[in-house]
Amino acid sequence: MTSPLLRQRRIRRWHRGIAVITSVQLLLWTVSGMYFAFIDIEFVRGNQFKTVPEPVEFSSSRFVLSPISATQVTLLQRKSNELIAGIHTATGIEWLDATGALVEPLTQAEALDLGASRTVMVPDSAEWIAQNVVGSEYRGAPLPLWKLWESANPSRVAYMNALSGEVVKVRHNAWRWWDFLWSLHIMSYTDRDALGTWLLKFFSVLAFMTAALGLWLFALTTRKGGYQ
């Protein structure tokens, strides 16, 4: 029969070994959790860099659209005196002009001009993005996009839908820190969005075992004054 002292020493060895394995990840969970707790998520999202659009008078009578099948229709002012309609379906959104034709993508000059009016930035540089990249800053945004930034402040970037003219995402250093720490927090280092990875599950179980063994040791050492 195992003596209480021997059992306690064995639990201590198990606890120490598991704690060594999980300590780094536990530290990363703590540091990332502190960042998430202390920084405003709305600031991280960069909405403060977008301007509030002016009210626009909309009239559906300006559109000549054939019968359409859609879950939702959005009317939007893309450029001055240009209204477009977004036809939402299960496969995505099609943007049509007043005649019912598919809109042409914004030119670089048009995108820069709209970027100056729809953000607090004065962008002077632009990059065309037509392909999704795993783990990119613009992941989840509909393509194609215009990436807009000021050469004097390249860390702040606006991503504009090249068809609708909407500023769909604004990225800056606070967001990049959030994204990096989030990848460490959920242990998804490539796409940075995958929850429930095998690594996360594995270390979650180890963290639970560390806590459970620690409580067990506490109970053993405080029972009747503890074992010496």
C-alpha atoms as a PDB file:
ATOM      1  CA  MET A   1       0.000   0.000   0.000  1.00  0.00           C
ATOM      2  CA  THR A   2       1.407   3.381  -1.023  1.00  0.00           C
ATOM      3  CA  SER A   3       2.215   5.626   1.930  1.00  0.00           C
ATOM      4  CA  PRO A   4       0.705   9.166   2.019  1.00  0.00           C
ATOM      5  CA  LEU A   5       4.173  10.704   1.839  1.00  0.00           C
ATOM      6  CA  LEU A   6       5.162   8.670  -1.206  1.00  0.00           C
ATOM      7  CA  ARG A   7       1.873   9.465  -2.925  1.00  0.00           C
ATOM      8  CA  GLN A   8       2.357  13.166  -2.264  1.00  0.00           C
ATOM      9  CA  ARG A   9       5.879  13.096  -3.713  1.00  0.00           C
ATOM     10  CA  ARG A  10       4.622  11.296  -6.811  1.00  0.00           C
ATOM     11  CA  ILE A  11       1.868  13.884  -7.358  1.00  0.00           C
ATOM     12  CA  ARG A  12       4.442  16.660  -6.911  1.00  0.00           C
ATOM     13  CA  ARG A  13       6.615  15.130  -9.660  1.00  0.00           C
ATOM     14  CA  TRP A  14       3.616  14.855 -11.997  1.00  0.00           C
ATOM     15  CA  HIS A  15       2.571  18.405 -11.200  1.00  0.00           C
ATOM     16  CA  ARG A  16       6.089  19.762 -11.732  1.00  0.00           C
ATOM     17  CA  GLY A  17       6.512  17.952 -15.065  1.00  0.00           C
ATOM     18  CA  ILE A  18       3.163  19.067 -16.468  1.00  0.00           C
ATOM     19  CA  ALA A  19       3.678  22.622 -15.205  1.00  0.00           C
ATOM     20  CA  VAL A  20       7.030  22.869 -17.006  1.00  0.00           C
ATOM     21  CA  ILE A  21       5.344  21.897 -20.287  1.00  0.00           C
ATOM     22  CA  THR A  22       2.397  24.273 -19.892  1.00  0.00           C
ATOM     23  CA  SER A  23       4.132  27.233 -18.220  1.00  0.00           C
ATOM     24  CA  VAL A  24       5.094  29.042 -21.440  1.00  0.00           C
ATOM     25  CA  GLN A  25       1.628  28.718 -22.944  1.00  0.00           C
ATOM     26  CA  LEU A  26      -0.005  29.707 -19.651  1.00  0.00           C
ATOM     27  CA  LEU A  27       2.155  32.847 -19.672  1.00  0.00           C
ATOM     28  CA  LEU A  28       1.120  33.599 -23.270  1.00  0.00           C
ATOM     29  CA  TRP A  29      -2.553  33.126 -22.389  1.00  0.00           C
ATOM     30  CA  THR A  30      -2.131  35.516 -19.474  1.00  0.00           C
ATOM     31  CA  VAL A  31      -0.251  38.204 -21.410  1.00  0.00           C
ATOM     32  CA  SER A  32      -2.648  38.091 -24.379  1.00  0.00           C
ATOM     33  CA  GLY A  33      -5.651  38.076 -22.044  1.00  0.00           C
ATOM     34  CA  MET A  34      -4.354  41.201 -20.299  1.00  0.00           C
ATOM     35  CA  TYR A  35      -3.978  42.974 -23.654  1.00  0.00           C
ATOM     36  CA  PHE A  36      -7.527  42.017 -24.663  1.00  0.00           C
ATOM     37  CA  ALA A  37      -8.870  43.204 -21.301  1.00  0.00           C
ATOM     38  CA  PHE A  38      -7.156  46.587 -21.244  1.00  0.00           C
ATOM     39  CA  ILE A  39      -7.499  47.796 -24.843  1.00  0.00           C
ATOM     40  CA  ASP A  40     -10.783  48.948 -26.386  1.00  0.00           C
ATOM     41  CA  ILE A  41     -11.858  46.601 -29.171  1.00  0.00           C
ATOM     42  CA  GLU A  42     -13.504  49.458 -31.101  1.00  0.00           C
ATOM     43  CA  PHE A  43     -10.165  51.272 -31.137  1.00  0.00           C
ATOM     44  CA  VAL A  44      -8.481  48.090 -32.338  1.00  0.00           C
ATOM     45  CA  ARG A  45     -10.972  47.784 -35.210  1.00  0.00           C
ATOM     46  CA  GLY A  46      -9.959  51.246 -36.436  1.00  0.00           C
ATOM     47  CA  ASN A  47     -13.457  52.692 -36.753  1.00  0.00           C
ATOM     48  CA  GLN A  48     -12.106  55.993 -35.419  1.00  0.00           C
ATOM     49  CA  PHE A  49     -10.225  56.390 -38.710  1.00  0.00           C
ATOM     50  CA  LYS A  50     -13.433  56.267 -40.763  1.00  0.00           C
ATOM     51  CA  THR A  51     -15.509  59.375 -41.408  1.00  0.00           C
ATOM     52  CA  VAL A  52     -19.281  59.521 -40.958  1.00  0.00           C
ATOM     53  CA  PRO A  53     -20.944  59.602 -44.401  1.00  0.00           C
ATOM     54  CA  GLU A  54     -23.173  62.511 -45.323  1.00  0.00           C
ATOM     55  CA  PRO A  55     -26.912  61.785 -45.742  1.00  0.00           C
ATOM     56  CA  VAL A  56     -27.782  60.902 -49.346  1.00  0.00           C
ATOM     57  CA  GLU A  57     -31.156  61.096 -51.086  1.00  0.00           C
ATOM     58  CA  PHE A  58     -31.991  57.701 -52.543  1.00  0.00           C
ATOM     59  CA  SER A  59     -34.645  56.959 -55.139  1.00  0.00           C
ATOM     60  CA  SER A  60     -35.252  53.487 -56.531  1.00  0.00           C
ATOM     61  CA  SER A  61     -36.917  55.093 -59.550  1.00  0.00           C
ATOM     62  CA  ARG A  62     -33.438  55.885 -60.882  1.00  0.00           C
ATOM     63  CA  PHE A  63     -32.740  52.169 -61.299  1.00  0.00           C
ATOM     64  CA  VAL A  64     -33.797  50.087 -64.266  1.00  0.00           C
ATOM     65  CA  LEU A  65     -33.453  46.559 -62.925  1.00  0.00           C
ATOM     66  CA  SER A  66     -34.835  43.362 -64.369  1.00  0.00           C
ATOM     67  CA  PRO A  67     -36.671  41.040 -61.962  1.00  0.00           C
ATOM     68  CA  ILE A  68     -34.081  39.681 -59.559  1.00  0.00           C
ATOM     69  CA  SER A  69     -33.903  36.946 -56.953  1.00  0.00           C
ATOM     70  CA  ALA A  70     -32.151  38.159 -53.819  1.00  0.00           C
ATOM     71  CA  THR A  71     -32.182  37.890 -50.062  1.00  0.00           C
ATOM     72  CA  GLN A  72     -31.454  41.601 -49.696  1.00  0.00           C
ATOM     73  CA  VAL A  73     -30.913  44.686 -51.855  1.00  0.00           C
ATOM     74  CA  THR A  74     -28.630  47.524 -50.739  1.00  0.00           C
ATOM     75  CA  LEU A  75     -28.641  50.989 -52.307  1.00  0.00           C
ATOM     76  CA  LEU A  76     -25.315  52.777 -51.951  1.00  0.00           C
ATOM     77  CA  GLN A  77     -23.653  55.936 -53.204  1.00  0.00           C
ATOM     78  CA  ARG A  78     -20.326  54.903 -54.627  1.00  0.00           C
ATOM     79  CA  LYS A  79     -19.126  58.149 -56.207  1.00  0.00           C
ATOM     80  CA  SER A  80     -20.710  61.582 -56.394  1.00  0.00           C
ATOM     81  CA  ASN A  81     -24.000  61.310 -58.315  1.00  0.00           C
ATOM     82  CA  GLU A  82     -23.539  57.550 -58.749  1.00  0.00           C
ATOM     83  CA  LEU A  83     -25.896  55.207 -56.955  1.00  0.00           C
ATOM     84  CA  ILE A  84     -25.352  51.460 -57.131  1.00  0.00           C
ATOM     85  CA  ALA A  85     -27.407  48.503 -55.983  1.00  0.00           C
ATOM     86  CA  GLY A  86     -25.994  45.516 -54.129  1.00  0.00           C
ATOM     87  CA  ILE A  87     -27.841  42.291 -54.875  1.00  0.00           C
ATOM     88  CA  HIS A  88     -27.297  39.879 -51.985  1.00  0.00           C
ATOM     89  CA  THR A  89     -27.598  36.166 -52.703  1.00  0.00           C
ATOM     90  CA  ALA A  90     -26.396  32.971 -51.055  1.00  0.00           C
ATOM     91  CA  THR A  91     -23.219  33.105 -53.142  1.00  0.00           C
ATOM     92  CA  GLY A  92     -22.289  36.726 -52.424  1.00  0.00           C
ATOM     93  CA  ILE A  93     -23.059  40.256 -53.593  1.00  0.00           C
ATOM     94  CA  GLU A  94     -23.325  41.637 -57.110  1.00  0.00           C
ATOM     95  CA  TRP A  95     -23.058  45.400 -57.530  1.00  0.00           C
ATOM     96  CA  LEU A  96     -25.147  46.893 -60.338  1.00  0.00           C
ATOM     97  CA  ASP A  97     -25.352  50.414 -61.711  1.00  0.00           C
ATOM     98  CA  ALA A  98     -28.596  52.278 -62.425  1.00  0.00           C
ATOM     99  CA  THR A  99     -28.968  50.547 -65.797  1.00  0.00           C
ATOM    100  CA  GLY A 100     -28.702  47.076 -64.265  1.00  0.00           C
ATOM    101  CA  ALA A 101     -25.180  46.419 -65.582  1.00  0.00           C
ATOM    102  CA  LEU A 102     -22.363  45.142 -63.396  1.00  0.00           C
ATOM    103  CA  VAL A 103     -20.273  48.043 -62.089  1.00  0.00           C
ATOM    104  CA  GLU A 104     -16.691  48.448 -63.183  1.00  0.00           C
ATOM    105  CA  PRO A 105     -14.031  48.396 -60.446  1.00  0.00           C
ATOM    106  CA  LEU A 106     -12.835  51.744 -59.177  1.00  0.00           C
ATOM    107  CA  THR A 107      -9.651  53.030 -60.720  1.00  0.00           C
ATOM    108  CA  GLN A 108      -6.644  53.731 -58.523  1.00  0.00           C
ATOM    109  CA  ALA A 109      -7.255  57.472 -58.732  1.00  0.00           C
ATOM    110  CA  GLU A 110     -10.923  57.034 -57.804  1.00  0.00           C
ATOM    111  CA  ALA A 111     -10.035  54.803 -54.867  1.00  0.00           C
ATOM    112  CA  LEU A 112      -7.497  57.309 -53.537  1.00  0.00           C
ATOM    113  CA  ASP A 113     -10.016  60.125 -53.875  1.00  0.00           C
ATOM    114  CA  LEU A 114     -12.720  58.163 -52.051  1.00  0.00           C
ATOM    115  CA  GLY A 115     -10.234  57.068 -49.402  1.00  0.00           C
ATOM    116  CA  ALA A 116      -9.535  60.715 -48.584  1.00  0.00           C
ATOM    117  CA  SER A 117     -13.243  61.443 -48.141  1.00  0.00           C
ATOM    118  CA  ARG A 118     -14.205  58.281 -46.263  1.00  0.00           C
ATOM    119  CA  THR A 119     -11.312  58.142 -43.809  1.00  0.00           C
ATOM    120  CA  VAL A 120      -9.279  60.652 -41.809  1.00  0.00           C
ATOM    121  CA  MET A 121      -6.318  59.656 -43.967  1.00  0.00           C
ATOM    122  CA  VAL A 122      -5.029  61.355 -47.090  1.00  0.00           C
ATOM    123  CA  PRO A 123      -3.833  58.258 -48.954  1.00  0.00           C
ATOM    124  CA  ASP A 124      -1.287  58.718 -51.696  1.00  0.00           C
ATOM    125  CA  SER A 125      -0.411  55.063 -52.320  1.00  0.00           C
ATOM    126  CA  ALA A 126      -2.576  52.165 -53.465  1.00  0.00           C
ATOM    127  CA  GLU A 127      -2.227  48.466 -54.176  1.00  0.00           C
ATOM    128  CA  TRP A 128      -4.669  46.238 -56.054  1.00  0.00           C
ATOM    129  CA  ILE A 129      -5.600  43.021 -54.216  1.00  0.00           C
ATOM    130  CA  ALA A 130      -7.472  40.302 -56.066  1.00  0.00           C
ATOM    131  CA  GLN A 131      -6.327  37.162 -54.259  1.00  0.00           C
ATOM    132  CA  ASN A 132      -6.931  36.034 -50.713  1.00  0.00           C
ATOM    133  CA  VAL A 133      -3.860  35.237 -48.608  1.00  0.00           C
ATOM    134  CA  VAL A 134      -4.153  32.989 -45.559  1.00  0.00           C
ATOM    135  CA  GLY A 135      -3.686  35.008 -42.371  1.00  0.00           C
ATOM    136  CA  SER A 136      -3.723  38.355 -44.194  1.00  0.00           C
ATOM    137  CA  GLU A 137      -4.894  41.630 -42.637  1.00  0.00           C
ATOM    138  CA  TYR A 138      -7.876  41.747 -44.979  1.00  0.00           C
ATOM    139  CA  ARG A 139      -9.019  38.138 -44.532  1.00  0.00           C
ATOM    140  CA  GLY A 140     -12.773  37.801 -44.696  1.00  0.00           C
ATOM    141  CA  ALA A 141     -13.250  40.932 -46.825  1.00  0.00           C
ATOM    142  CA  PRO A 142     -14.852  40.552 -50.266  1.00  0.00           C
ATOM    143  CA  LEU A 143     -12.409  40.794 -53.154  1.00  0.00           C
ATOM    144  CA  PRO A 144     -11.207  42.700 -55.113  1.00  0.00           C
ATOM    145  CA  LEU A 145      -9.852  45.376 -52.798  1.00  0.00           C
ATOM    146  CA  TRP A 146      -7.811  48.527 -52.954  1.00  0.00           C
ATOM    147  CA  LYS A 147      -5.220  48.785 -50.197  1.00  0.00           C
ATOM    148  CA  LEU A 148      -4.750  52.497 -49.401  1.00  0.00           C
ATOM    149  CA  TRP A 149      -2.180  54.184 -47.195  1.00  0.00           C
ATOM    150  CA  GLU A 150      -0.184  57.361 -46.672  1.00  0.00           C
ATOM    151  CA  SER A 151       3.475  57.087 -47.547  1.00  0.00           C
ATOM    152  CA  ALA A 152       4.264  59.226 -44.472  1.00  0.00           C
ATOM    153  CA  ASN A 153       2.383  56.794 -42.220  1.00  0.00           C
ATOM    154  CA  PRO A 154       2.416  53.354 -43.888  1.00  0.00           C
ATOM    155  CA  SER A 155       1.425  51.490 -40.699  1.00  0.00           C
ATOM    156  CA  ARG A 156      -2.176  52.720 -41.012  1.00  0.00           C
ATOM    157  CA  VAL A 157      -3.958  51.046 -43.919  1.00  0.00           C
ATOM    158  CA  ALA A 158      -7.511  51.198 -45.284  1.00  0.00           C
ATOM    159  CA  TYR A 159      -8.951  48.368 -47.362  1.00  0.00           C
ATOM    160  CA  MET A 160     -11.636  49.499 -49.797  1.00  0.00           C
ATOM    161  CA  ASN A 161     -14.059  47.299 -51.697  1.00  0.00           C
ATOM    162  CA  ALA A 162     -13.051  47.981 -55.307  1.00  0.00           C
ATOM    163  CA  LEU A 163     -16.637  47.532 -56.531  1.00  0.00           C
ATOM    164  CA  SER A 164     -18.740  49.287 -53.897  1.00  0.00           C
ATOM    165  CA  GLY A 165     -16.232  51.850 -52.648  1.00  0.00           C
ATOM    166  CA  GLU A 166     -16.871  50.898 -49.026  1.00  0.00           C
ATOM    167  CA  VAL A 167     -13.986  51.034 -46.559  1.00  0.00           C
ATOM    168  CA  VAL A 168     -14.384  47.519 -45.189  1.00  0.00           C
ATOM    169  CA  LYS A 169     -11.344  47.340 -42.877  1.00  0.00           C
ATOM    170  CA  VAL A 170      -8.798  49.702 -41.327  1.00  0.00           C
ATOM    171  CA  ARG A 171      -5.618  48.224 -39.920  1.00  0.00           C
ATOM    172  CA  HIS A 172      -3.048  49.822 -37.618  1.00  0.00           C
ATOM    173  CA  ASN A 173      -0.447  48.687 -35.111  1.00  0.00           C
ATOM    174  CA  ALA A 174      -2.890  48.137 -32.242  1.00  0.00           C
ATOM    175  CA  TRP A 175      -4.832  45.719 -34.454  1.00  0.00           C
ATOM    176  CA  ARG A 176      -1.630  43.938 -35.529  1.00  0.00           C
ATOM    177  CA  TRP A 177      -0.656  43.387 -31.896  1.00  0.00           C
ATOM    178  CA  TRP A 178      -4.156  42.121 -31.202  1.00  0.00           C
ATOM    179  CA  ASP A 179      -3.998  39.763 -34.184  1.00  0.00           C
ATOM    180  CA  PHE A 180      -0.571  38.447 -33.169  1.00  0.00           C
ATOM    181  CA  LEU A 181      -1.583  37.865 -29.548  1.00  0.00           C
ATOM    182  CA  TRP A 182      -4.876  36.324 -30.678  1.00  0.00           C
ATOM    183  CA  SER A 183      -2.946  33.788 -32.771  1.00  0.00           C
ATOM    184  CA  LEU A 184      -0.918  32.885 -29.675  1.00  0.00           C
ATOM    185  CA  HIS A 185      -4.037  32.771 -27.524  1.00  0.00           C
ATOM    186  CA  ILE A 186      -5.954  30.316 -29.732  1.00  0.00           C
ATOM    187  CA  MET A 187      -2.755  28.605 -30.948  1.00  0.00           C
ATOM    188  CA  SER A 188      -3.643  29.137 -34.613  1.00  0.00           C
ATOM    189  CA  TYR A 189      -0.443  30.487 -36.131  1.00  0.00           C
ATOM    190  CA  THR A 190      -1.231  30.386 -39.859  1.00  0.00           C
ATOM    191  CA  ASP A 191      -4.766  31.515 -40.602  1.00  0.00           C
ATOM    192  CA  ARG A 192      -5.151  33.021 -37.084  1.00  0.00           C
ATOM    193  CA  ASP A 193      -8.869  32.262 -37.027  1.00  0.00           C
ATOM    194  CA  ALA A 194      -9.155  28.508 -36.478  1.00  0.00           C
ATOM    195  CA  LEU A 195     -10.667  27.773 -33.079  1.00  0.00           C
ATOM    196  CA  GLY A 196     -10.393  24.349 -31.526  1.00  0.00           C
ATOM    197  CA  THR A 197      -7.012  23.368 -32.964  1.00  0.00           C
ATOM    198  CA  TRP A 198      -5.481  20.174 -31.620  1.00  0.00           C
ATOM    199  CA  LEU A 199      -2.756  22.239 -29.954  1.00  0.00           C
ATOM    200  CA  LEU A 200      -5.313  24.334 -28.095  1.00  0.00           C
ATOM    201  CA  LYS A 201      -7.194  21.236 -26.967  1.00  0.00           C
ATOM    202  CA  PHE A 202      -3.976  19.502 -25.869  1.00  0.00           C
ATOM    203  CA  PHE A 203      -2.667  22.429 -23.828  1.00  0.00           C
ATOM    204  CA  SER A 204      -6.124  23.112 -22.376  1.00  0.00           C
ATOM    205  CA  VAL A 205      -6.155  19.568 -20.990  1.00  0.00           C
ATOM    206  CA  LEU A 206      -2.611  19.997 -19.623  1.00  0.00           C
ATOM    207  CA  ALA A 207      -3.570  23.306 -18.000  1.00  0.00           C
ATOM    208  CA  PHE A 208      -6.577  21.630 -16.390  1.00  0.00           C
ATOM    209  CA  MET A 209      -4.358  18.827 -15.093  1.00  0.00           C
ATOM    210  CA  THR A 210      -1.871  21.363 -13.700  1.00  0.00           C
ATOM    211  CA  ALA A 211      -4.625  23.148 -11.790  1.00  0.00           C
ATOM    212  CA  ALA A 212      -6.277  19.917 -10.627  1.00  0.00           C
ATOM    213  CA  LEU A 213      -3.009  18.423  -9.352  1.00  0.00           C
ATOM    214  CA  GLY A 214      -2.133  21.690  -7.633  1.00  0.00           C
ATOM    215  CA  LEU A 215      -5.467  21.691  -5.781  1.00  0.00           C
ATOM    216  CA  TRP A 216      -4.978  18.027  -4.883  1.00  0.00           C
ATOM    217  CA  LEU A 217      -1.535  18.805  -3.462  1.00  0.00           C
ATOM    218  CA  PHE A 218      -2.989  21.700  -1.505  1.00  0.00           C
ATOM    219  CA  ALA A 219      -5.639  19.411  -0.044  1.00  0.00           C
ATOM    220  CA  LEU A 220      -3.053  16.777   0.873  1.00  0.00           C
ATOM    221  CA  THR A 221      -0.643  19.197   2.535  1.00  0.00           C
ATOM    222  CA  THR A 222      -3.341  20.982   4.555  1.00  0.00           C
ATOM    223  CA  ARG A 223      -5.141  17.844   5.756  1.00  0.00           C
ATOM    224  CA  LYS A 224      -4.390  17.393   9.441  1.00  0.00           C
ATOM    225  CA  GLY A 225      -1.505  19.808   9.307  1.00  0.00           C
ATOM    226  CA  GLY A 226       0.016  18.290   6.157  1.00  0.00           C
ATOM    227  CA  TYR A 227       2.640  15.663   5.626  1.00  0.00           C
ATOM    228  CA  GLN A 228       6.241  16.468   6.466  1.00  0.00           C
END
